[in-house]
Amino acid sequence: MVRNVEEKVESYNPVADKDLHKNDVLDSKEGHRHKIFDKGLSRRIWEELYKVIDSSDVIINVLDGRNPNGTRTKQLEDYLKKNCP
């Protein structure tokens, strides 16, 4: 059994592994988007959000357990990591 596992480890190719990245979220800014998805992208809304974040002591990010990567806001997470350590 151990020998079988060692053989499989040696022949493993992470590039060909389709399950390795199946839950990764791709940036969907490129390509055709429906107009309804552009409603929350105005600069004014993001500026107001950043004001609220800067004046907050605690921020709670609620994710949907069925699709946590699909409900994350990568732009907001990057902002928090960079500007609010």
PDB file of N, CA and C in Angstrom:
ATOM      1  N   MET A   1       0.822  -1.196   0.000  1.00  0.00           N
ATOM      2  CA  MET A   1       0.000   0.000   0.000  1.00  0.00           C
ATOM      3  C   MET A   1       0.869   1.264   0.000  1.00  0.00           C
ATOM      4  N   VAL A   2       1.931   1.255   0.811  1.00  0.00           N
ATOM      5  CA  VAL A   2       2.827   2.414   0.873  1.00  0.00           C
ATOM      6  C   VAL A   2       3.537   2.600  -0.461  1.00  0.00           C
ATOM      7  N   ARG A   3       3.940   1.518  -1.065  1.00  0.00           N
ATOM      8  CA  ARG A   3       4.627   1.603  -2.351  1.00  0.00           C
ATOM      9  C   ARG A   3       3.706   2.191  -3.415  1.00  0.00           C
ATOM     10  N   ASN A   4       2.435   1.828  -3.376  1.00  0.00           N
ATOM     11  CA  ASN A   4       1.447   2.354  -4.318  1.00  0.00           C
ATOM     12  C   ASN A   4       1.295   3.861  -4.147  1.00  0.00           C
ATOM     13  N   VAL A   5       1.250   4.321  -2.904  1.00  0.00           N
ATOM     14  CA  VAL A   5       1.132   5.758  -2.635  1.00  0.00           C
ATOM     15  C   VAL A   5       2.380   6.494  -3.107  1.00  0.00           C
ATOM     16  N   GLU A   6       3.552   5.930  -2.845  1.00  0.00           N
ATOM     17  CA  GLU A   6       4.804   6.570  -3.269  1.00  0.00           C
ATOM     18  C   GLU A   6       4.866   6.696  -4.795  1.00  0.00           C
ATOM     19  N   GLU A   7       4.389   5.686  -5.510  1.00  0.00           N
ATOM     20  CA  GLU A   7       4.375   5.744  -6.970  1.00  0.00           C
ATOM     21  C   GLU A   7       3.444   6.846  -7.468  1.00  0.00           C
ATOM     22  N   LYS A   8       2.281   6.973  -6.815  1.00  0.00           N
ATOM     23  CA  LYS A   8       1.340   8.012  -7.220  1.00  0.00           C
ATOM     24  C   LYS A   8       1.863   9.407  -6.905  1.00  0.00           C
ATOM     25  N   VAL A   9       2.590   9.556  -5.802  1.00  0.00           N
ATOM     26  CA  VAL A   9       3.153  10.862  -5.449  1.00  0.00           C
ATOM     27  C   VAL A   9       4.193  11.283  -6.482  1.00  0.00           C
ATOM     28  N   GLU A  10       5.004  10.345  -6.922  1.00  0.00           N
ATOM     29  CA  GLU A  10       6.035  10.658  -7.911  1.00  0.00           C
ATOM     30  C   GLU A  10       5.440  11.056  -9.257  1.00  0.00           C
ATOM     31  N   SER A  11       4.303  10.480  -9.602  1.00  0.00           N
ATOM     32  CA  SER A  11       3.704  10.782 -10.903  1.00  0.00           C
ATOM     33  C   SER A  11       2.652  11.890 -10.839  1.00  0.00           C
ATOM     34  N   TYR A  12       2.475  12.494  -9.660  1.00  0.00           N
ATOM     35  CA  TYR A  12       1.459  13.551  -9.506  1.00  0.00           C
ATOM     36  C   TYR A  12       1.871  14.816 -10.242  1.00  0.00           C
ATOM     37  N   ASN A  13       0.941  15.380 -11.008  1.00  0.00           N
ATOM     38  CA  ASN A  13       1.177  16.616 -11.746  1.00  0.00           C
ATOM     39  C   ASN A  13       0.122  17.632 -11.309  1.00  0.00           C
ATOM     40  N   PRO A  14       0.495  18.652 -10.501  1.00  0.00           N
ATOM     41  CA  PRO A  14      -0.504  19.622 -10.021  1.00  0.00           C
ATOM     42  C   PRO A  14      -1.128  20.442 -11.143  1.00  0.00           C
ATOM     43  N   VAL A  15      -0.460  20.587 -12.266  1.00  0.00           N
ATOM     44  CA  VAL A  15      -1.016  21.352 -13.385  1.00  0.00           C
ATOM     45  C   VAL A  15      -2.196  20.602 -14.004  1.00  0.00           C
ATOM     46  N   ALA A  16      -2.109  19.287 -14.036  1.00  0.00           N
ATOM     47  CA  ALA A  16      -3.168  18.485 -14.642  1.00  0.00           C
ATOM     48  C   ALA A  16      -4.295  18.160 -13.663  1.00  0.00           C
ATOM     49  N   ASP A  17      -4.136  18.515 -12.399  1.00  0.00           N
ATOM     50  CA  ASP A  17      -5.147  18.215 -11.383  1.00  0.00           C
ATOM     51  C   ASP A  17      -6.307  19.200 -11.516  1.00  0.00           C
ATOM     52  N   LYS A  18      -7.442  18.712 -12.011  1.00  0.00           N
ATOM     53  CA  LYS A  18      -8.598  19.576 -12.252  1.00  0.00           C
ATOM     54  C   LYS A  18      -9.306  19.966 -10.964  1.00  0.00           C
ATOM     55  N   ASP A  19      -9.172  19.158  -9.914  1.00  0.00           N
ATOM     56  CA  ASP A  19      -9.849  19.446  -8.656  1.00  0.00           C
ATOM     57  C   ASP A  19      -9.078  20.422  -7.772  1.00  0.00           C
ATOM     58  N   LEU A  20      -7.824  20.662  -8.079  1.00  0.00           N
ATOM     59  CA  LEU A  20      -6.995  21.506  -7.226  1.00  0.00           C
ATOM     60  C   LEU A  20      -7.489  22.942  -7.178  1.00  0.00           C
ATOM     61  N   HIS A  21      -7.949  23.477  -8.290  1.00  0.00           N
ATOM     62  CA  HIS A  21      -8.361  24.880  -8.364  1.00  0.00           C
ATOM     63  C   HIS A  21      -9.827  25.036  -8.757  1.00  0.00           C
ATOM     64  N   LYS A  22     -10.648  24.036  -8.500  1.00  0.00           N
ATOM     65  CA  LYS A  22     -12.035  24.124  -8.960  1.00  0.00           C
ATOM     66  C   LYS A  22     -12.850  25.157  -8.191  1.00  0.00           C
ATOM     67  N   ASN A  23     -12.425  25.531  -6.979  1.00  0.00           N
ATOM     68  CA  ASN A  23     -13.177  26.510  -6.198  1.00  0.00           C
ATOM     69  C   ASN A  23     -12.556  27.908  -6.236  1.00  0.00           C
ATOM     70  N   ASP A  24     -11.517  28.080  -7.018  1.00  0.00           N
ATOM     71  CA  ASP A  24     -10.916  29.406  -7.138  1.00  0.00           C
ATOM     72  C   ASP A  24     -11.871  30.350  -7.844  1.00  0.00           C
ATOM     73  N   VAL A  25     -11.900  31.585  -7.376  1.00  0.00           N
ATOM     74  CA  VAL A  25     -12.760  32.594  -7.983  1.00  0.00           C
ATOM     75  C   VAL A  25     -11.931  33.381  -8.981  1.00  0.00           C
ATOM     76  N   LEU A  26     -12.388  33.413 -10.210  1.00  0.00           N
ATOM     77  CA  LEU A  26     -11.702  34.170 -11.242  1.00  0.00           C
ATOM     78  C   LEU A  26     -12.243  35.591 -11.261  1.00  0.00           C
ATOM     79  N   ASP A  27     -11.390  36.525 -11.595  1.00  0.00           N
ATOM     80  CA  ASP A  27     -11.817  37.909 -11.683  1.00  0.00           C
ATOM     81  C   ASP A  27     -12.782  38.054 -12.847  1.00  0.00           C
ATOM     82  N   SER A  28     -13.978  38.526 -12.562  1.00  0.00           N
ATOM     83  CA  SER A  28     -15.016  38.590 -13.594  1.00  0.00           C
ATOM     84  C   SER A  28     -15.165  39.982 -14.189  1.00  0.00           C
ATOM     85  N   LYS A  29     -14.164  40.833 -14.022  1.00  0.00           N
ATOM     86  CA  LYS A  29     -14.268  42.185 -14.569  1.00  0.00           C
ATOM     87  C   LYS A  29     -14.143  42.194 -16.087  1.00  0.00           C
ATOM     88  N   GLU A  30     -13.482  41.190 -16.630  1.00  0.00           N
ATOM     89  CA  GLU A  30     -13.316  41.141 -18.076  1.00  0.00           C
ATOM     90  C   GLU A  30     -14.518  40.445 -18.702  1.00  0.00           C
ATOM     91  N   GLY A  31     -14.789  40.768 -19.908  1.00  0.00           N
ATOM     92  CA  GLY A  31     -15.886  40.124 -20.614  1.00  0.00           C
ATOM     93  C   GLY A  31     -17.185  40.884 -20.456  1.00  0.00           C
ATOM     94  N   HIS A  32     -18.230  40.324 -21.016  1.00  0.00           N
ATOM     95  CA  HIS A  32     -19.541  40.955 -20.990  1.00  0.00           C
ATOM     96  C   HIS A  32     -20.182  40.790 -19.620  1.00  0.00           C
ATOM     97  N   ARG A  33     -20.692  41.883 -19.077  1.00  0.00           N
ATOM     98  CA  ARG A  33     -21.389  41.862 -17.798  1.00  0.00           C
ATOM     99  C   ARG A  33     -22.770  42.454 -17.983  1.00  0.00           C
ATOM    100  N   HIS A  34     -23.698  41.947 -17.247  1.00  0.00           N
ATOM    101  CA  HIS A  34     -25.051  42.477 -17.288  1.00  0.00           C
ATOM    102  C   HIS A  34     -25.074  43.801 -16.532  1.00  0.00           C
ATOM    103  N   LYS A  35     -25.903  44.739 -16.958  1.00  0.00           N
ATOM    104  CA  LYS A  35     -25.935  46.080 -16.364  1.00  0.00           C
ATOM    105  C   LYS A  35     -26.290  46.073 -14.889  1.00  0.00           C
ATOM    106  N   ILE A  36     -27.062  45.113 -14.433  1.00  0.00           N
ATOM    107  CA  ILE A  36     -27.480  45.084 -13.037  1.00  0.00           C
ATOM    108  C   ILE A  36     -26.278  44.897 -12.103  1.00  0.00           C
ATOM    109  N   PHE A  37     -25.217  44.228 -12.590  1.00  0.00           N
ATOM    110  CA  PHE A  37     -24.049  43.999 -11.761  1.00  0.00           C
ATOM    111  C   PHE A  37     -23.168  45.237 -11.645  1.00  0.00           C
ATOM    112  N   ASP A  38     -23.380  46.224 -12.488  1.00  0.00           N
ATOM    113  CA  ASP A  38     -22.598  47.452 -12.424  1.00  0.00           C
ATOM    114  C   ASP A  38     -23.200  48.485 -11.469  1.00  0.00           C
ATOM    115  N   LYS A  39     -24.354  48.210 -10.896  1.00  0.00           N
ATOM    116  CA  LYS A  39     -25.038  49.187 -10.044  1.00  0.00           C
ATOM    117  C   LYS A  39     -24.242  49.516  -8.796  1.00  0.00           C
ATOM    118  N   GLY A  40     -23.555  48.565  -8.198  1.00  0.00           N
ATOM    119  CA  GLY A  40     -22.816  48.818  -6.966  1.00  0.00           C
ATOM    120  C   GLY A  40     -21.370  49.180  -7.178  1.00  0.00           C
ATOM    121  N   LEU A  41     -20.999  49.522  -8.387  1.00  0.00           N
ATOM    122  CA  LEU A  41     -19.596  49.784  -8.678  1.00  0.00           C
ATOM    123  C   LEU A  41     -19.256  51.267  -8.804  1.00  0.00           C
ATOM    124  N   SER A  42     -20.187  52.138  -8.464  1.00  0.00           N
ATOM    125  CA  SER A  42     -19.888  53.559  -8.626  1.00  0.00           C
ATOM    126  C   SER A  42     -18.831  53.993  -7.617  1.00  0.00           C
ATOM    127  N   ARG A  43     -18.029  54.926  -8.008  1.00  0.00           N
ATOM    128  CA  ARG A  43     -16.930  55.416  -7.174  1.00  0.00           C
ATOM    129  C   ARG A  43     -17.449  56.048  -5.888  1.00  0.00           C
ATOM    130  N   ARG A  44     -18.581  56.716  -5.966  1.00  0.00           N
ATOM    131  CA  ARG A  44     -19.153  57.369  -4.791  1.00  0.00           C
ATOM    132  C   ARG A  44     -19.524  56.355  -3.710  1.00  0.00           C
ATOM    133  N   ILE A  45     -20.084  55.236  -4.123  1.00  0.00           N
ATOM    134  CA  ILE A  45     -20.468  54.202  -3.161  1.00  0.00           C
ATOM    135  C   ILE A  45     -19.233  53.625  -2.472  1.00  0.00           C
ATOM    136  N   TRP A  46     -18.180  53.352  -3.236  1.00  0.00           N
ATOM    137  CA  TRP A  46     -16.966  52.814  -2.634  1.00  0.00           C
ATOM    138  C   TRP A  46     -16.320  53.822  -1.695  1.00  0.00           C
ATOM    139  N   GLU A  47     -16.327  55.104  -2.046  1.00  0.00           N
ATOM    140  CA  GLU A  47     -15.758  56.128  -1.162  1.00  0.00           C
ATOM    141  C   GLU A  47     -16.521  56.198   0.154  1.00  0.00           C
ATOM    142  N   GLU A  48     -17.839  56.098   0.091  1.00  0.00           N
ATOM    143  CA  GLU A  48     -18.637  56.084   1.320  1.00  0.00           C
ATOM    144  C   GLU A  48     -18.332  54.849   2.155  1.00  0.00           C
ATOM    145  N   LEU A  49     -18.169  53.722   1.496  1.00  0.00           N
ATOM    146  CA  LEU A  49     -17.842  52.491   2.216  1.00  0.00           C
ATOM    147  C   LEU A  49     -16.497  52.621   2.923  1.00  0.00           C
ATOM    148  N   TYR A  50     -15.496  53.184   2.250  1.00  0.00           N
ATOM    149  CA  TYR A  50     -14.180  53.356   2.865  1.00  0.00           C
ATOM    150  C   TYR A  50     -14.242  54.316   4.059  1.00  0.00           C
ATOM    151  N   LYS A  51     -15.094  55.327   3.991  1.00  0.00           N
ATOM    152  CA  LYS A  51     -15.276  56.232   5.132  1.00  0.00           C
ATOM    153  C   LYS A  51     -15.830  55.481   6.332  1.00  0.00           C
ATOM    154  N   VAL A  52     -16.809  54.626   6.083  1.00  0.00           N
ATOM    155  CA  VAL A  52     -17.409  53.843   7.163  1.00  0.00           C
ATOM    156  C   VAL A  52     -16.381  52.869   7.741  1.00  0.00           C
ATOM    157  N   ILE A  53     -15.597  52.247   6.890  1.00  0.00           N
ATOM    158  CA  ILE A  53     -14.577  51.314   7.356  1.00  0.00           C
ATOM    159  C   ILE A  53     -13.543  52.033   8.212  1.00  0.00           C
ATOM    160  N   ASP A  54     -13.107  53.209   7.770  1.00  0.00           N
ATOM    161  CA  ASP A  54     -12.103  53.961   8.520  1.00  0.00           C
ATOM    162  C   ASP A  54     -12.605  54.389   9.891  1.00  0.00           C
ATOM    163  N   SER A  55     -13.889  54.609  10.037  1.00  0.00           N
ATOM    164  CA  SER A  55     -14.421  55.047  11.323  1.00  0.00           C
ATOM    165  C   SER A  55     -14.921  53.873  12.177  1.00  0.00           C
ATOM    166  N   SER A  56     -14.775  52.652  11.697  1.00  0.00           N
ATOM    167  CA  SER A  56     -15.272  51.477  12.414  1.00  0.00           C
ATOM    168  C   SER A  56     -14.180  50.858  13.268  1.00  0.00           C
ATOM    169  N   ASP A  57     -14.604  50.277  14.392  1.00  0.00           N
ATOM    170  CA  ASP A  57     -13.689  49.534  15.249  1.00  0.00           C
ATOM    171  C   ASP A  57     -13.680  48.051  14.899  1.00  0.00           C
ATOM    172  N   VAL A  58     -14.826  47.543  14.486  1.00  0.00           N
ATOM    173  CA  VAL A  58     -14.969  46.129  14.155  1.00  0.00           C
ATOM    174  C   VAL A  58     -15.697  46.009  12.817  1.00  0.00           C
ATOM    175  N   ILE A  59     -15.208  45.109  11.979  1.00  0.00           N
ATOM    176  CA  ILE A  59     -15.848  44.851  10.693  1.00  0.00           C
ATOM    177  C   ILE A  59     -16.169  43.359  10.633  1.00  0.00           C
ATOM    178  N   ILE A  60     -17.408  43.042  10.332  1.00  0.00           N
ATOM    179  CA  ILE A  60     -17.838  41.652  10.221  1.00  0.00           C
ATOM    180  C   ILE A  60     -18.168  41.374   8.759  1.00  0.00           C
ATOM    181  N   ASN A  61     -17.509  40.371   8.225  1.00  0.00           N
ATOM    182  CA  ASN A  61     -17.736  39.977   6.845  1.00  0.00           C
ATOM    183  C   ASN A  61     -18.501  38.658   6.864  1.00  0.00           C
ATOM    184  N   VAL A  62     -19.739  38.659   6.425  1.00  0.00           N
ATOM    185  CA  VAL A  62     -20.578  37.466   6.431  1.00  0.00           C
ATOM    186  C   VAL A  62     -20.506  36.801   5.061  1.00  0.00           C
ATOM    187  N   LEU A  63     -20.142  35.529   5.064  1.00  0.00           N
ATOM    188  CA  LEU A  63     -20.030  34.773   3.827  1.00  0.00           C
ATOM    189  C   LEU A  63     -21.109  33.702   3.779  1.00  0.00           C
ATOM    190  N   ASP A  64     -21.520  33.361   2.588  1.00  0.00           N
ATOM    191  CA  ASP A  64     -22.482  32.283   2.394  1.00  0.00           C
ATOM    192  C   ASP A  64     -21.710  30.965   2.434  1.00  0.00           C
ATOM    193  N   GLY A  65     -22.079  30.076   3.340  1.00  0.00           N
ATOM    194  CA  GLY A  65     -21.382  28.806   3.495  1.00  0.00           C
ATOM    195  C   GLY A  65     -21.476  27.911   2.278  1.00  0.00           C
ATOM    196  N   ARG A  66     -22.470  28.117   1.438  1.00  0.00           N
ATOM    197  CA  ARG A  66     -22.610  27.301   0.233  1.00  0.00           C
ATOM    198  C   ARG A  66     -21.612  27.713  -0.845  1.00  0.00           C
ATOM    199  N   ASN A  67     -21.205  28.981  -0.838  1.00  0.00           N
ATOM    200  CA  ASN A  67     -20.262  29.481  -1.833  1.00  0.00           C
ATOM    201  C   ASN A  67     -19.441  30.603  -1.210  1.00  0.00           C
ATOM    202  N   PRO A  68     -18.529  30.280  -0.282  1.00  0.00           N
ATOM    203  CA  PRO A  68     -17.795  31.334   0.408  1.00  0.00           C
ATOM    204  C   PRO A  68     -16.906  32.171  -0.506  1.00  0.00           C
ATOM    205  N   ASN A  69     -16.268  31.546  -1.475  1.00  0.00           N
ATOM    206  CA  ASN A  69     -15.399  32.316  -2.377  1.00  0.00           C
ATOM    207  C   ASN A  69     -16.201  33.211  -3.309  1.00  0.00           C
ATOM    208  N   GLY A  70     -17.406  32.824  -3.631  1.00  0.00           N
ATOM    209  CA  GLY A  70     -18.248  33.636  -4.510  1.00  0.00           C
ATOM    210  C   GLY A  70     -18.846  34.836  -3.808  1.00  0.00           C
ATOM    211  N   THR A  71     -18.894  34.812  -2.472  1.00  0.00           N
ATOM    212  CA  THR A  71     -19.476  35.932  -1.728  1.00  0.00           C
ATOM    213  C   THR A  71     -18.411  36.811  -1.092  1.00  0.00           C
ATOM    214  N   ARG A  72     -17.155  36.536  -1.358  1.00  0.00           N
ATOM    215  CA  ARG A  72     -16.071  37.373  -0.838  1.00  0.00           C
ATOM    216  C   ARG A  72     -15.896  38.599  -1.732  1.00  0.00           C
ATOM    217  N   THR A  73     -15.423  39.677  -1.131  1.00  0.00           N
ATOM    218  CA  THR A  73     -15.096  40.886  -1.885  1.00  0.00           C
ATOM    219  C   THR A  73     -13.583  41.070  -1.800  1.00  0.00           C
ATOM    220  N   LYS A  74     -12.896  40.570  -2.810  1.00  0.00           N
ATOM    221  CA  LYS A  74     -11.429  40.581  -2.819  1.00  0.00           C
ATOM    222  C   LYS A  74     -10.880  42.001  -2.750  1.00  0.00           C
ATOM    223  N   GLN A  75     -11.515  42.935  -3.429  1.00  0.00           N
ATOM    224  CA  GLN A  75     -11.055  44.324  -3.427  1.00  0.00           C
ATOM    225  C   GLN A  75     -11.096  44.891  -2.008  1.00  0.00           C
ATOM    226  N   LEU A  76     -12.151  44.605  -1.274  1.00  0.00           N
ATOM    227  CA  LEU A  76     -12.287  45.093   0.091  1.00  0.00           C
ATOM    228  C   LEU A  76     -11.282  44.411   1.014  1.00  0.00           C
ATOM    229  N   GLU A  77     -11.079  43.118   0.859  1.00  0.00           N
ATOM    230  CA  GLU A  77     -10.096  42.409   1.670  1.00  0.00           C
ATOM    231  C   GLU A  77      -8.690  42.954   1.448  1.00  0.00           C
ATOM    232  N   ASP A  78      -8.334  43.217   0.194  1.00  0.00           N
ATOM    233  CA  ASP A  78      -7.017  43.787  -0.111  1.00  0.00           C
ATOM    234  C   ASP A  78      -6.866  45.171   0.514  1.00  0.00           C
ATOM    235  N   TYR A  79      -7.927  45.977   0.467  1.00  0.00           N
ATOM    236  CA  TYR A  79      -7.890  47.307   1.061  1.00  0.00           C
ATOM    237  C   TYR A  79      -7.650  47.208   2.576  1.00  0.00           C
ATOM    238  N   LEU A  80      -8.350  46.296   3.221  1.00  0.00           N
ATOM    239  CA  LEU A  80      -8.212  46.140   4.671  1.00  0.00           C
ATOM    240  C   LEU A  80      -6.807  45.665   5.045  1.00  0.00           C
ATOM    241  N   LYS A  81      -6.255  44.726   4.288  1.00  0.00           N
ATOM    242  CA  LYS A  81      -4.914  44.243   4.560  1.00  0.00           C
ATOM    243  C   LYS A  81      -3.869  45.328   4.397  1.00  0.00           C
ATOM    244  N   LYS A  82      -4.067  46.160   3.382  1.00  0.00           N
ATOM    245  CA  LYS A  82      -3.066  47.190   3.066  1.00  0.00           C
ATOM    246  C   LYS A  82      -3.182  48.410   3.980  1.00  0.00           C
ATOM    247  N   ASN A  83      -4.409  48.880   4.235  1.00  0.00           N
ATOM    248  CA  ASN A  83      -4.596  50.157   4.919  1.00  0.00           C
ATOM    249  C   ASN A  83      -5.050  50.058   6.367  1.00  0.00           C
ATOM    250  N   CYS A  84      -5.523  48.907   6.804  1.00  0.00           N
ATOM    251  CA  CYS A  84      -6.062  48.776   8.161  1.00  0.00           C
ATOM    252  C   CYS A  84      -5.466  47.542   8.851  1.00  0.00           C
ATOM    253  N   PRO A  85      -4.163  47.543   9.113  1.00  0.00           N
ATOM    254  CA  PRO A  85      -3.556  46.340   9.719  1.00  0.00           C
ATOM    255  C   PRO A  85      -4.031  46.114  11.150  1.00  0.00           C
TER     256      PRO A  85
END
